[in-house]
């Protein structure tokens, strides 16, 4: 065993963690992204997300806006909970969202909000 192996291992681990932490940080918010939107980091960079529940909508229907990091709108319209048997989502906690795959906002509990409207 090399005498400096633990030092090298710790250094590599620190660099790995720093790289992961940097990916989670939000880029500067472009002016066209609403204040209520939160940053959702992803393997390809991430998106800004704004989701709301309107009183007049059915239980499994939400309204969402997804923005590219530079501010261009990716999607705006209805989002439907899948599966629909558990429609309640706590929108006060953005940490429940784990990703955007271009069609669905993925939740940490295995559910998703599927974009069901027209793309801009």
PDB file of N, CA and C in Angstrom:
ATOM      1  N   UNK A   1       0.835  -1.189   0.000  1.00  0.00           N
ATOM      2  CA  UNK A   1       0.000   0.000   0.000  1.00  0.00           C
ATOM      3  C   UNK A   1       0.875   1.245   0.000  1.00  0.00           C
ATOM      4  N   UNK A   2       0.532   2.178  -0.826  1.00  0.00           N
ATOM      5  CA  UNK A   2       1.297   3.416  -0.908  1.00  0.00           C
ATOM      6  C   UNK A   2       0.978   4.313   0.279  1.00  0.00           C
ATOM      7  N   UNK A   3       1.966   5.021   0.825  1.00  0.00           N
ATOM      8  CA  UNK A   3       1.726   5.864   1.999  1.00  0.00           C
ATOM      9  C   UNK A   3       0.782   7.028   1.736  1.00  0.00           C
ATOM     10  N   UNK A   4       0.647   7.498   0.520  1.00  0.00           N
ATOM     11  CA  UNK A   4      -0.179   8.671   0.228  1.00  0.00           C
ATOM     12  C   UNK A   4      -1.535   8.301  -0.387  1.00  0.00           C
ATOM     13  N   UNK A   5      -1.850   7.028  -0.443  1.00  0.00           N
ATOM     14  CA  UNK A   5      -3.102   6.600  -1.071  1.00  0.00           C
ATOM     15  C   UNK A   5      -4.340   7.198  -0.385  1.00  0.00           C
ATOM     16  N   UNK A   6      -4.434   7.237   0.963  1.00  0.00           N
ATOM     17  CA  UNK A   6      -5.619   7.857   1.574  1.00  0.00           C
ATOM     18  C   UNK A   6      -5.757   9.334   1.206  1.00  0.00           C
ATOM     19  N   UNK A   7      -4.659  10.042   1.095  1.00  0.00           N
ATOM     20  CA  UNK A   7      -4.705  11.461   0.729  1.00  0.00           C
ATOM     21  C   UNK A   7      -5.248  11.627  -0.685  1.00  0.00           C
ATOM     22  N   UNK A   8      -4.772  10.808  -1.595  1.00  0.00           N
ATOM     23  CA  UNK A   8      -5.229  10.878  -2.985  1.00  0.00           C
ATOM     24  C   UNK A   8      -6.709  10.529  -3.062  1.00  0.00           C
ATOM     25  N   UNK A   9      -7.128   9.510  -2.314  1.00  0.00           N
ATOM     26  CA  UNK A   9      -8.527   9.095  -2.303  1.00  0.00           C
ATOM     27  C   UNK A   9      -9.415  10.223  -1.787  1.00  0.00           C
ATOM     28  N   UNK A  10      -9.017  10.865  -0.710  1.00  0.00           N
ATOM     29  CA  UNK A  10      -9.792  11.975  -0.163  1.00  0.00           C
ATOM     30  C   UNK A  10      -9.841  13.156  -1.127  1.00  0.00           C
ATOM     31  N   UNK A  11      -8.743  13.430  -1.794  1.00  0.00           N
ATOM     32  CA  UNK A  11      -8.703  14.521  -2.758  1.00  0.00           C
ATOM     33  C   UNK A  11      -9.661  14.245  -3.916  1.00  0.00           C
ATOM     34  N   UNK A  12      -9.643  13.022  -4.445  1.00  0.00           N
ATOM     35  CA  UNK A  12     -10.548  12.666  -5.543  1.00  0.00           C
ATOM     36  C   UNK A  12     -12.000  12.716  -5.100  1.00  0.00           C
ATOM     37  N   UNK A  13     -12.285  12.260  -3.906  1.00  0.00           N
ATOM     38  CA  UNK A  13     -13.648  12.303  -3.376  1.00  0.00           C
ATOM     39  C   UNK A  13     -14.118  13.755  -3.237  1.00  0.00           C
ATOM     40  N   UNK A  14     -13.253  14.623  -2.748  1.00  0.00           N
ATOM     41  CA  UNK A  14     -13.594  16.033  -2.609  1.00  0.00           C
ATOM     42  C   UNK A  14     -13.887  16.690  -3.946  1.00  0.00           C
ATOM     43  N   UNK A  15     -13.097  16.386  -4.961  1.00  0.00           N
ATOM     44  CA  UNK A  15     -13.336  16.938  -6.294  1.00  0.00           C
ATOM     45  C   UNK A  15     -14.650  16.432  -6.872  1.00  0.00           C
ATOM     46  N   UNK A  16     -14.949  15.170  -6.657  1.00  0.00           N
ATOM     47  CA  UNK A  16     -16.201  14.600  -7.131  1.00  0.00           C
ATOM     48  C   UNK A  16     -17.398  15.292  -6.478  1.00  0.00           C
ATOM     49  N   UNK A  17     -17.350  15.461  -5.175  1.00  0.00           N
ATOM     50  CA  UNK A  17     -18.446  16.120  -4.463  1.00  0.00           C
ATOM     51  C   UNK A  17     -18.583  17.581  -4.870  1.00  0.00           C
ATOM     52  N   UNK A  18     -17.484  18.253  -5.076  1.00  0.00           N
ATOM     53  CA  UNK A  18     -17.544  19.656  -5.511  1.00  0.00           C
ATOM     54  C   UNK A  18     -18.185  19.764  -6.881  1.00  0.00           C
ATOM     55  N   UNK A  19     -17.886  18.846  -7.771  1.00  0.00           N
ATOM     56  CA  UNK A  19     -18.498  18.849  -9.097  1.00  0.00           C
ATOM     57  C   UNK A  19     -19.987  18.608  -9.028  1.00  0.00           C
ATOM     58  N   UNK A  20     -20.418  17.711  -8.152  1.00  0.00           N
ATOM     59  CA  UNK A  20     -21.852  17.450  -7.995  1.00  0.00           C
ATOM     60  C   UNK A  20     -22.556  18.669  -7.418  1.00  0.00           C
ATOM     61  N   UNK A  21     -21.974  19.312  -6.444  1.00  0.00           N
ATOM     62  CA  UNK A  21     -22.582  20.463  -5.811  1.00  0.00           C
ATOM     63  C   UNK A  21     -22.713  21.610  -6.807  1.00  0.00           C
ATOM     64  N   UNK A  22     -21.703  21.786  -7.640  1.00  0.00           N
ATOM     65  CA  UNK A  22     -21.744  22.868  -8.618  1.00  0.00           C
ATOM     66  C   UNK A  22     -22.898  22.665  -9.597  1.00  0.00           C
ATOM     67  N   UNK A  23     -23.190  21.432  -9.975  1.00  0.00           N
ATOM     68  CA  UNK A  23     -24.257  21.131 -10.916  1.00  0.00           C
ATOM     69  C   UNK A  23     -25.622  21.476 -10.336  1.00  0.00           C
ATOM     70  N   UNK A  24     -25.775  21.411  -9.017  1.00  0.00           N
ATOM     71  CA  UNK A  24     -27.048  21.674  -8.375  1.00  0.00           C
ATOM     72  C   UNK A  24     -27.350  23.167  -8.249  1.00  0.00           C
ATOM     73  N   UNK A  25     -26.346  24.008  -8.363  1.00  0.00           N
ATOM     74  CA  UNK A  25     -26.548  25.439  -8.197  1.00  0.00           C
ATOM     75  C   UNK A  25     -27.305  26.013  -9.388  1.00  0.00           C
ATOM     76  N   UNK A  26     -28.200  26.909  -9.094  1.00  0.00           N
ATOM     77  CA  UNK A  26     -29.003  27.550 -10.127  1.00  0.00           C
ATOM     78  C   UNK A  26     -28.171  28.558 -10.891  1.00  0.00           C
ATOM     79  N   UNK A  27     -28.328  28.587 -12.211  1.00  0.00           N
ATOM     80  CA  UNK A  27     -27.681  29.664 -12.963  1.00  0.00           C
ATOM     81  C   UNK A  27     -28.407  30.967 -12.687  1.00  0.00           C
ATOM     82  N   UNK A  28     -27.865  32.080 -13.114  1.00  0.00           N
ATOM     83  CA  UNK A  28     -28.588  33.345 -12.944  1.00  0.00           C
ATOM     84  C   UNK A  28     -29.964  33.253 -13.617  1.00  0.00           C
ATOM     85  N   UNK A  29     -30.978  33.779 -12.951  1.00  0.00           N
ATOM     86  CA  UNK A  29     -32.353  33.721 -13.473  1.00  0.00           C
ATOM     87  C   UNK A  29     -32.534  34.766 -14.573  1.00  0.00           C
ATOM     88  N   UNK A  30     -32.835  34.311 -15.800  1.00  0.00           N
ATOM     89  CA  UNK A  30     -33.120  35.277 -16.863  1.00  0.00           C
ATOM     90  C   UNK A  30     -34.377  36.079 -16.537  1.00  0.00           C
ATOM     91  N   UNK A  31     -34.486  37.264 -17.078  1.00  0.00           N
ATOM     92  CA  UNK A  31     -35.614  38.152 -16.757  1.00  0.00           C
ATOM     93  C   UNK A  31     -36.961  37.569 -17.175  1.00  0.00           C
ATOM     94  N   UNK A  32     -37.005  36.729 -18.198  1.00  0.00           N
ATOM     95  CA  UNK A  32     -38.280  36.178 -18.652  1.00  0.00           C
ATOM     96  C   UNK A  32     -38.752  34.972 -17.823  1.00  0.00           C
ATOM     97  N   UNK A  33     -37.931  34.510 -16.893  1.00  0.00           N
ATOM     98  CA  UNK A  33     -38.323  33.402 -16.009  1.00  0.00           C
ATOM     99  C   UNK A  33     -39.005  34.003 -14.781  1.00  0.00           C
ATOM    100  N   UNK A  34     -40.241  33.549 -14.456  1.00  0.00           N
ATOM    101  CA  UNK A  34     -40.955  34.142 -13.321  1.00  0.00           C
ATOM    102  C   UNK A  34     -40.258  33.872 -11.987  1.00  0.00           C
ATOM    103  N   UNK A  35     -40.482  34.759 -11.030  1.00  0.00           N
ATOM    104  CA  UNK A  35     -39.833  34.662  -9.715  1.00  0.00           C
ATOM    105  C   UNK A  35     -40.190  33.380  -8.988  1.00  0.00           C
ATOM    106  N   UNK A  36     -41.418  32.860  -9.208  1.00  0.00           N
ATOM    107  CA  UNK A  36     -41.848  31.660  -8.502  1.00  0.00           C
ATOM    108  C   UNK A  36     -41.242  30.375  -9.070  1.00  0.00           C
ATOM    109  N   UNK A  37     -40.570  30.465 -10.209  1.00  0.00           N
ATOM    110  CA  UNK A  37     -39.933  29.284 -10.798  1.00  0.00           C
ATOM    111  C   UNK A  37     -38.706  28.892  -9.981  1.00  0.00           C
ATOM    112  N   UNK A  38     -38.508  27.585  -9.849  1.00  0.00           N
ATOM    113  CA  UNK A  38     -37.336  27.065  -9.142  1.00  0.00           C
ATOM    114  C   UNK A  38     -36.444  26.331 -10.131  1.00  0.00           C
ATOM    115  N   UNK A  39     -35.179  26.215  -9.770  1.00  0.00           N
ATOM    116  CA  UNK A  39     -34.204  25.523 -10.607  1.00  0.00           C
ATOM    117  C   UNK A  39     -34.272  24.032 -10.319  1.00  0.00           C
ATOM    118  N   UNK A  40     -34.347  23.220 -11.376  1.00  0.00           N
ATOM    119  CA  UNK A  40     -34.353  21.766 -11.262  1.00  0.00           C
ATOM    120  C   UNK A  40     -33.160  21.247 -12.045  1.00  0.00           C
ATOM    121  N   UNK A  41     -32.091  20.901 -11.323  1.00  0.00           N
ATOM    122  CA  UNK A  41     -30.868  20.425 -11.961  1.00  0.00           C
ATOM    123  C   UNK A  41     -31.101  19.058 -12.578  1.00  0.00           C
ATOM    124  N   UNK A  42     -30.358  18.782 -13.624  1.00  0.00           N
ATOM    125  CA  UNK A  42     -30.466  17.499 -14.289  1.00  0.00           C
ATOM    126  C   UNK A  42     -29.148  17.117 -14.930  1.00  0.00           C
ATOM    127  N   UNK A  43     -29.065  15.891 -15.443  1.00  0.00           N
ATOM    128  CA  UNK A  43     -27.808  15.430 -16.034  1.00  0.00           C
ATOM    129  C   UNK A  43     -27.383  16.245 -17.256  1.00  0.00           C
ATOM    130  N   UNK A  44     -28.341  16.890 -17.905  1.00  0.00           N
ATOM    131  CA  UNK A  44     -28.019  17.697 -19.074  1.00  0.00           C
ATOM    132  C   UNK A  44     -27.940  19.182 -18.743  1.00  0.00           C
ATOM    133  N   UNK A  45     -27.988  19.525 -17.482  1.00  0.00           N
ATOM    134  CA  UNK A  45     -27.916  20.913 -17.041  1.00  0.00           C
ATOM    135  C   UNK A  45     -29.053  21.271 -16.126  1.00  0.00           C
ATOM    136  N   UNK A  46     -30.267  21.286 -16.649  1.00  0.00           N
ATOM    137  CA  UNK A  46     -31.421  21.578 -15.818  1.00  0.00           C
ATOM    138  C   UNK A  46     -32.368  22.565 -16.484  1.00  0.00           C
ATOM    139  N   UNK A  47     -33.463  22.833 -15.776  1.00  0.00           N
ATOM    140  CA  UNK A  47     -34.503  23.736 -16.262  1.00  0.00           C
ATOM    141  C   UNK A  47     -35.060  24.527 -15.085  1.00  0.00           C
ATOM    142  N   UNK A  48     -35.690  25.657 -15.404  1.00  0.00           N
ATOM    143  CA  UNK A  48     -36.474  26.385 -14.419  1.00  0.00           C
ATOM    144  C   UNK A  48     -37.910  25.880 -14.525  1.00  0.00           C
ATOM    145  N   UNK A  49     -38.567  25.683 -13.381  1.00  0.00           N
ATOM    146  CA  UNK A  49     -39.907  25.099 -13.339  1.00  0.00           C
ATOM    147  C   UNK A  49     -40.827  25.949 -12.470  1.00  0.00           C
ATOM    148  N   UNK A  50     -42.023  26.200 -12.969  1.00  0.00           N
ATOM    149  CA  UNK A  50     -43.089  26.837 -12.186  1.00  0.00           C
ATOM    150  C   UNK A  50     -44.336  25.975 -12.344  1.00  0.00           C
ATOM    151  N   UNK A  51     -44.880  25.508 -11.215  1.00  0.00           N
ATOM    152  CA  UNK A  51     -46.081  24.665 -11.230  1.00  0.00           C
ATOM    153  C   UNK A  51     -47.096  25.284 -10.288  1.00  0.00           C
ATOM    154  N   UNK A  52     -48.361  25.293 -10.725  1.00  0.00           N
ATOM    155  CA  UNK A  52     -49.422  25.803  -9.868  1.00  0.00           C
ATOM    156  C   UNK A  52     -50.645  24.910  -9.971  1.00  0.00           C
ATOM    157  N   UNK A  53     -51.477  24.982  -8.938  1.00  0.00           N
ATOM    158  CA  UNK A  53     -52.747  24.258  -8.887  1.00  0.00           C
ATOM    159  C   UNK A  53     -53.851  25.295  -8.897  1.00  0.00           C
ATOM    160  N   UNK A  54     -54.736  25.215  -9.883  1.00  0.00           N
ATOM    161  CA  UNK A  54     -55.866  26.137  -9.969  1.00  0.00           C
ATOM    162  C   UNK A  54     -57.090  25.474  -9.353  1.00  0.00           C
ATOM    163  N   UNK A  55     -57.858  26.252  -8.610  1.00  0.00           N
ATOM    164  CA  UNK A  55     -59.044  25.719  -7.930  1.00  0.00           C
ATOM    165  C   UNK A  55     -60.035  25.078  -8.884  1.00  0.00           C
ATOM    166  N   UNK A  56     -60.157  25.628 -10.077  1.00  0.00           N
ATOM    167  CA  UNK A  56     -61.154  25.123 -11.022  1.00  0.00           C
ATOM    168  C   UNK A  56     -60.714  23.851 -11.750  1.00  0.00           C
ATOM    169  N   UNK A  57     -59.454  23.472 -11.642  1.00  0.00           N
ATOM    170  CA  UNK A  57     -58.960  22.280 -12.337  1.00  0.00           C
ATOM    171  C   UNK A  57     -59.320  20.999 -11.584  1.00  0.00           C
ATOM    172  N   UNK A  58     -59.474  19.886 -12.297  1.00  0.00           N
ATOM    173  CA  UNK A  58     -59.707  18.589 -11.643  1.00  0.00           C
ATOM    174  C   UNK A  58     -58.520  18.232 -10.740  1.00  0.00           C
ATOM    175  N   UNK A  59     -58.716  17.302  -9.790  1.00  0.00           N
ATOM    176  CA  UNK A  59     -57.657  16.980  -8.815  1.00  0.00           C
ATOM    177  C   UNK A  59     -56.308  16.599  -9.416  1.00  0.00           C
ATOM    178  N   UNK A  60     -56.289  15.881 -10.519  1.00  0.00           N
ATOM    179  CA  UNK A  60     -55.020  15.405 -11.085  1.00  0.00           C
ATOM    180  C   UNK A  60     -54.427  16.351 -12.130  1.00  0.00           C
ATOM    181  N   UNK A  61     -54.951  17.576 -12.226  1.00  0.00           N
ATOM    182  CA  UNK A  61     -54.477  18.516 -13.243  1.00  0.00           C
ATOM    183  C   UNK A  61     -53.790  19.712 -12.588  1.00  0.00           C
ATOM    184  N   UNK A  62     -52.600  20.025 -13.070  1.00  0.00           N
ATOM    185  CA  UNK A  62     -51.819  21.173 -12.625  1.00  0.00           C
ATOM    186  C   UNK A  62     -51.458  21.986 -13.858  1.00  0.00           C
ATOM    187  N   UNK A  63     -50.958  23.186 -13.653  1.00  0.00           N
ATOM    188  CA  UNK A  63     -50.502  24.037 -14.741  1.00  0.00           C
ATOM    189  C   UNK A  63     -49.005  24.269 -14.557  1.00  0.00           C
ATOM    190  N   UNK A  64     -48.257  24.169 -15.632  1.00  0.00           N
ATOM    191  CA  UNK A  64     -46.809  24.305 -15.502  1.00  0.00           C
ATOM    192  C   UNK A  64     -46.174  25.124 -16.599  1.00  0.00           C
ATOM    193  N   UNK A  65     -45.005  25.645 -16.251  1.00  0.00           N
ATOM    194  CA  UNK A  65     -44.157  26.356 -17.198  1.00  0.00           C
ATOM    195  C   UNK A  65     -42.735  25.859 -16.993  1.00  0.00           C
ATOM    196  N   UNK A  66     -42.096  25.455 -18.075  1.00  0.00           N
ATOM    197  CA  UNK A  66     -40.727  24.954 -18.040  1.00  0.00           C
ATOM    198  C   UNK A  66     -39.890  25.863 -18.932  1.00  0.00           C
ATOM    199  N   UNK A  67     -38.725  26.272 -18.416  1.00  0.00           N
ATOM    200  CA  UNK A  67     -37.846  27.185 -19.147  1.00  0.00           C
ATOM    201  C   UNK A  67     -36.448  26.592 -19.263  1.00  0.00           C
ATOM    202  N   UNK A  68     -35.851  26.774 -20.435  1.00  0.00           N
ATOM    203  CA  UNK A  68     -34.440  26.438 -20.615  1.00  0.00           C
ATOM    204  C   UNK A  68     -33.608  27.327 -19.695  1.00  0.00           C
ATOM    205  N   UNK A  69     -32.363  26.937 -19.396  1.00  0.00           N
ATOM    206  CA  UNK A  69     -31.512  27.765 -18.518  1.00  0.00           C
ATOM    207  C   UNK A  69     -31.338  29.203 -19.006  1.00  0.00           C
ATOM    208  N   UNK A  70     -31.359  29.426 -20.306  1.00  0.00           N
ATOM    209  CA  UNK A  70     -31.185  30.787 -20.839  1.00  0.00           C
ATOM    210  C   UNK A  70     -32.494  31.578 -20.854  1.00  0.00           C
ATOM    211  N   UNK A  71     -33.620  30.946 -20.455  1.00  0.00           N
ATOM    212  CA  UNK A  71     -34.873  31.673 -20.305  1.00  0.00           C
ATOM    213  C   UNK A  71     -35.942  31.397 -21.339  1.00  0.00           C
ATOM    214  N   UNK A  72     -35.580  30.784 -22.454  1.00  0.00           N
ATOM    215  CA  UNK A  72     -36.598  30.472 -23.472  1.00  0.00           C
ATOM    216  C   UNK A  72     -37.595  29.455 -22.917  1.00  0.00           C
ATOM    217  N   UNK A  73     -38.866  29.667 -23.234  1.00  0.00           N
ATOM    218  CA  UNK A  73     -39.908  28.769 -22.744  1.00  0.00           C
ATOM    219  C   UNK A  73     -39.835  27.438 -23.498  1.00  0.00           C
ATOM    220  N   UNK A  74     -39.794  26.343 -22.736  1.00  0.00           N
ATOM    221  CA  UNK A  74     -39.769  25.003 -23.306  1.00  0.00           C
ATOM    222  C   UNK A  74     -41.195  24.458 -23.389  1.00  0.00           C
ATOM    223  N   UNK A  75     -41.959  24.682 -22.309  1.00  0.00           N
ATOM    224  CA  UNK A  75     -43.335  24.180 -22.255  1.00  0.00           C
ATOM    225  C   UNK A  75     -44.165  25.092 -21.372  1.00  0.00           C
ATOM    226  N   UNK A  76     -45.426  25.285 -21.754  1.00  0.00           N
ATOM    227  CA  UNK A  76     -46.389  25.979 -20.902  1.00  0.00           C
ATOM    228  C   UNK A  76     -47.746  25.342 -21.154  1.00  0.00           C
ATOM    229  N   UNK A  77     -48.379  24.870 -20.078  1.00  0.00           N
ATOM    230  CA  UNK A  77     -49.689  24.260 -20.239  1.00  0.00           C
ATOM    231  C   UNK A  77     -50.004  23.261 -19.154  1.00  0.00           C
ATOM    232  N   UNK A  78     -50.998  22.401 -19.428  1.00  0.00           N
ATOM    233  CA  UNK A  78     -51.450  21.449 -18.416  1.00  0.00           C
ATOM    234  C   UNK A  78     -50.429  20.341 -18.152  1.00  0.00           C
ATOM    235  N   UNK A  79     -50.410  19.920 -16.900  1.00  0.00           N
ATOM    236  CA  UNK A  79     -49.597  18.786 -16.450  1.00  0.00           C
ATOM    237  C   UNK A  79     -50.536  17.838 -15.712  1.00  0.00           C
ATOM    238  N   UNK A  80     -50.544  16.578 -16.086  1.00  0.00           N
ATOM    239  CA  UNK A  80     -51.443  15.597 -15.491  1.00  0.00           C
ATOM    240  C   UNK A  80     -50.652  14.617 -14.633  1.00  0.00           C
ATOM    241  N   UNK A  81     -51.120  14.389 -13.404  1.00  0.00           N
ATOM    242  CA  UNK A  81     -50.446  13.473 -12.479  1.00  0.00           C
ATOM    243  C   UNK A  81     -50.602  12.041 -12.974  1.00  0.00           C
ATOM    244  N   UNK A  82     -49.492  11.314 -12.974  1.00  0.00           N
ATOM    245  CA  UNK A  82     -49.478   9.880 -13.291  1.00  0.00           C
ATOM    246  C   UNK A  82     -48.784   9.143 -12.164  1.00  0.00           C
ATOM    247  N   UNK A  83     -49.378   8.105 -11.608  1.00  0.00           N
ATOM    248  CA  UNK A  83     -50.768   7.680 -11.806  1.00  0.00           C
ATOM    249  C   UNK A  83     -51.716   8.667 -11.139  1.00  0.00           C
ATOM    250  N   UNK A  84     -52.939   8.725 -11.647  1.00  0.00           N
ATOM    251  CA  UNK A  84     -53.901   9.746 -11.204  1.00  0.00           C
ATOM    252  C   UNK A  84     -54.623   9.392  -9.907  1.00  0.00           C
ATOM    253  N   UNK A  85     -54.354   8.224  -9.337  1.00  0.00           N
ATOM    254  CA  UNK A  85     -55.036   7.835  -8.096  1.00  0.00           C
ATOM    255  C   UNK A  85     -54.478   8.548  -6.864  1.00  0.00           C
ATOM    256  N   UNK A  86     -53.340   9.238  -6.994  1.00  0.00           N
ATOM    257  CA  UNK A  86     -52.764  10.041  -5.898  1.00  0.00           C
ATOM    258  C   UNK A  86     -52.443  11.426  -6.440  1.00  0.00           C
ATOM    259  N   UNK A  87     -53.473  12.252  -6.634  1.00  0.00           N
ATOM    260  CA  UNK A  87     -53.263  13.531  -7.330  1.00  0.00           C
ATOM    261  C   UNK A  87     -52.653  14.650  -6.494  1.00  0.00           C
ATOM    262  N   UNK A  88     -52.633  14.530  -5.167  1.00  0.00           N
ATOM    263  CA  UNK A  88     -52.149  15.635  -4.339  1.00  0.00           C
ATOM    264  C   UNK A  88     -50.622  15.726  -4.369  1.00  0.00           C
ATOM    265  N   UNK A  89     -50.150  16.925  -4.677  1.00  0.00           N
ATOM    266  CA  UNK A  89     -48.709  17.204  -4.700  1.00  0.00           C
ATOM    267  C   UNK A  89     -48.468  18.453  -3.872  1.00  0.00           C
ATOM    268  N   UNK A  90     -47.488  18.385  -2.963  1.00  0.00           N
ATOM    269  CA  UNK A  90     -47.148  19.533  -2.125  1.00  0.00           C
ATOM    270  C   UNK A  90     -46.224  20.455  -2.913  1.00  0.00           C
ATOM    271  N   UNK A  91     -46.783  21.463  -3.539  1.00  0.00           N
ATOM    272  CA  UNK A  91     -46.007  22.373  -4.376  1.00  0.00           C
ATOM    273  C   UNK A  91     -45.133  23.325  -3.565  1.00  0.00           C
ATOM    274  N   UNK A  92     -45.289  23.341  -2.259  1.00  0.00           N
ATOM    275  CA  UNK A  92     -44.452  24.202  -1.411  1.00  0.00           C
ATOM    276  C   UNK A  92     -43.042  23.649  -1.271  1.00  0.00           C
ATOM    277  N   UNK A  93     -42.834  22.377  -1.647  1.00  0.00           N
ATOM    278  CA  UNK A  93     -41.531  21.737  -1.500  1.00  0.00           C
ATOM    279  C   UNK A  93     -40.970  21.345  -2.866  1.00  0.00           C
ATOM    280  N   UNK A  94     -40.173  22.210  -3.498  1.00  0.00           N
ATOM    281  CA  UNK A  94     -39.647  21.881  -4.828  1.00  0.00           C
ATOM    282  C   UNK A  94     -38.701  20.680  -4.835  1.00  0.00           C
ATOM    283  N   UNK A  95     -38.239  20.244  -3.670  1.00  0.00           N
ATOM    284  CA  UNK A  95     -37.328  19.098  -3.616  1.00  0.00           C
ATOM    285  C   UNK A  95     -38.026  17.789  -3.980  1.00  0.00           C
ATOM    286  N   UNK A  96     -39.364  17.788  -4.069  1.00  0.00           N
ATOM    287  CA  UNK A  96     -40.068  16.572  -4.467  1.00  0.00           C
ATOM    288  C   UNK A  96     -39.848  16.274  -5.944  1.00  0.00           C
ATOM    289  N   UNK A  97     -39.468  17.298  -6.719  1.00  0.00           N
ATOM    290  CA  UNK A  97     -39.210  17.119  -8.146  1.00  0.00           C
ATOM    291  C   UNK A  97     -37.766  16.680  -8.345  1.00  0.00           C
ATOM    292  N   UNK A  98     -37.578  15.656  -9.165  1.00  0.00           N
ATOM    293  CA  UNK A  98     -36.226  15.122  -9.359  1.00  0.00           C
ATOM    294  C   UNK A  98     -35.721  15.238 -10.792  1.00  0.00           C
ATOM    295  N   UNK A  99     -36.579  15.637 -11.724  1.00  0.00           N
ATOM    296  CA  UNK A  99     -36.089  15.782 -13.088  1.00  0.00           C
ATOM    297  C   UNK A  99     -37.177  16.128 -14.078  1.00  0.00           C
ATOM    298  N   UNK A 100     -36.738  16.558 -15.243  1.00  0.00           N
ATOM    299  CA  UNK A 100     -37.606  16.850 -16.380  1.00  0.00           C
ATOM    300  C   UNK A 100     -37.021  16.093 -17.563  1.00  0.00           C
ATOM    301  N   UNK A 101     -37.817  15.190 -18.152  1.00  0.00           N
ATOM    302  CA  UNK A 101     -37.303  14.380 -19.260  1.00  0.00           C
ATOM    303  C   UNK A 101     -37.759  14.885 -20.626  1.00  0.00           C
ATOM    304  N   UNK A 102     -38.312  16.084 -20.668  1.00  0.00           N
ATOM    305  CA  UNK A 102     -38.794  16.645 -21.916  1.00  0.00           C
ATOM    306  C   UNK A 102     -40.278  16.419 -22.134  1.00  0.00           C
ATOM    307  N   UNK A 103     -40.856  15.484 -21.391  1.00  0.00           N
ATOM    308  CA  UNK A 103     -42.280  15.167 -21.471  1.00  0.00           C
ATOM    309  C   UNK A 103     -42.942  15.153 -20.096  1.00  0.00           C
ATOM    310  N   UNK A 104     -42.141  14.850 -19.067  1.00  0.00           N
ATOM    311  CA  UNK A 104     -42.690  14.679 -17.717  1.00  0.00           C
ATOM    312  C   UNK A 104     -41.791  15.322 -16.674  1.00  0.00           C
ATOM    313  N   UNK A 105     -42.440  15.909 -15.650  1.00  0.00           N
ATOM    314  CA  UNK A 105     -41.732  16.326 -14.442  1.00  0.00           C
ATOM    315  C   UNK A 105     -41.760  15.113 -13.517  1.00  0.00           C
ATOM    316  N   UNK A 106     -40.608  14.600 -13.179  1.00  0.00           N
ATOM    317  CA  UNK A 106     -40.514  13.393 -12.370  1.00  0.00           C
ATOM    318  C   UNK A 106     -40.472  13.745 -10.898  1.00  0.00           C
ATOM    319  N   UNK A 107     -41.241  12.995 -10.101  1.00  0.00           N
ATOM    320  CA  UNK A 107     -41.275  13.188  -8.656  1.00  0.00           C
ATOM    321  C   UNK A 107     -40.490  12.070  -7.984  1.00  0.00           C
ATOM    322  N   UNK A 108     -39.946  12.372  -6.826  1.00  0.00           N
ATOM    323  CA  UNK A 108     -39.121  11.411  -6.105  1.00  0.00           C
ATOM    324  C   UNK A 108     -39.854  10.170  -5.640  1.00  0.00           C
ATOM    325  N   UNK A 109     -41.179  10.219  -5.577  1.00  0.00           N
ATOM    326  CA  UNK A 109     -41.936   9.055  -5.108  1.00  0.00           C
ATOM    327  C   UNK A 109     -42.397   8.142  -6.247  1.00  0.00           C
ATOM    328  N   UNK A 110     -41.904   8.369  -7.461  1.00  0.00           N
ATOM    329  CA  UNK A 110     -42.246   7.523  -8.593  1.00  0.00           C
ATOM    330  C   UNK A 110     -43.361   8.066  -9.467  1.00  0.00           C
ATOM    331  N   UNK A 111     -44.054   9.090  -9.014  1.00  0.00           N
ATOM    332  CA  UNK A 111     -45.096   9.701  -9.835  1.00  0.00           C
ATOM    333  C   UNK A 111     -44.469  10.691 -10.814  1.00  0.00           C
ATOM    334  N   UNK A 112     -45.298  11.218 -11.695  1.00  0.00           N
ATOM    335  CA  UNK A 112     -44.832  12.212 -12.664  1.00  0.00           C
ATOM    336  C   UNK A 112     -45.980  13.145 -13.018  1.00  0.00           C
ATOM    337  N   UNK A 113     -45.622  14.325 -13.492  1.00  0.00           N
ATOM    338  CA  UNK A 113     -46.572  15.263 -14.071  1.00  0.00           C
ATOM    339  C   UNK A 113     -46.291  15.288 -15.567  1.00  0.00           C
ATOM    340  N   UNK A 114     -47.192  14.723 -16.369  1.00  0.00           N
ATOM    341  CA  UNK A 114     -46.999  14.641 -17.814  1.00  0.00           C
ATOM    342  C   UNK A 114     -47.532  15.892 -18.500  1.00  0.00           C
ATOM    343  N   UNK A 115     -46.697  16.459 -19.384  1.00  0.00           N
ATOM    344  CA  UNK A 115     -47.113  17.601 -20.197  1.00  0.00           C
ATOM    345  C   UNK A 115     -48.116  17.114 -21.230  1.00  0.00           C
ATOM    346  N   UNK A 116     -49.322  17.671 -21.184  1.00  0.00           N
ATOM    347  CA  UNK A 116     -50.389  17.189 -22.071  1.00  0.00           C
ATOM    348  C   UNK A 116     -50.850  18.252 -23.058  1.00  0.00           C
ATOM    349  N   UNK A 117     -50.207  19.401 -23.071  1.00  0.00           N
ATOM    350  CA  UNK A 117     -50.618  20.477 -23.972  1.00  0.00           C
ATOM    351  C   UNK A 117     -49.661  20.631 -25.143  1.00  0.00           C
ATOM    352  N   UNK A 118     -49.908  21.648 -25.941  1.00  0.00           N
ATOM    353  CA  UNK A 118     -49.083  21.961 -27.097  1.00  0.00           C
ATOM    354  C   UNK A 118     -47.749  22.569 -26.656  1.00  0.00           C
ATOM    355  N   UNK A 119     -46.703  22.271 -27.359  1.00  0.00           N
ATOM    356  CA  UNK A 119     -45.403  22.899 -27.111  1.00  0.00           C
ATOM    357  C   UNK A 119     -45.372  24.233 -27.851  1.00  0.00           C
ATOM    358  N   UNK A 120     -44.678  25.243 -27.284  1.00  0.00           N
ATOM    359  CA  UNK A 120     -44.611  26.548 -27.985  1.00  0.00           C
ATOM    360  C   UNK A 120     -43.866  26.429 -29.300  1.00  0.00           C
TER     361      UNK A 120
END
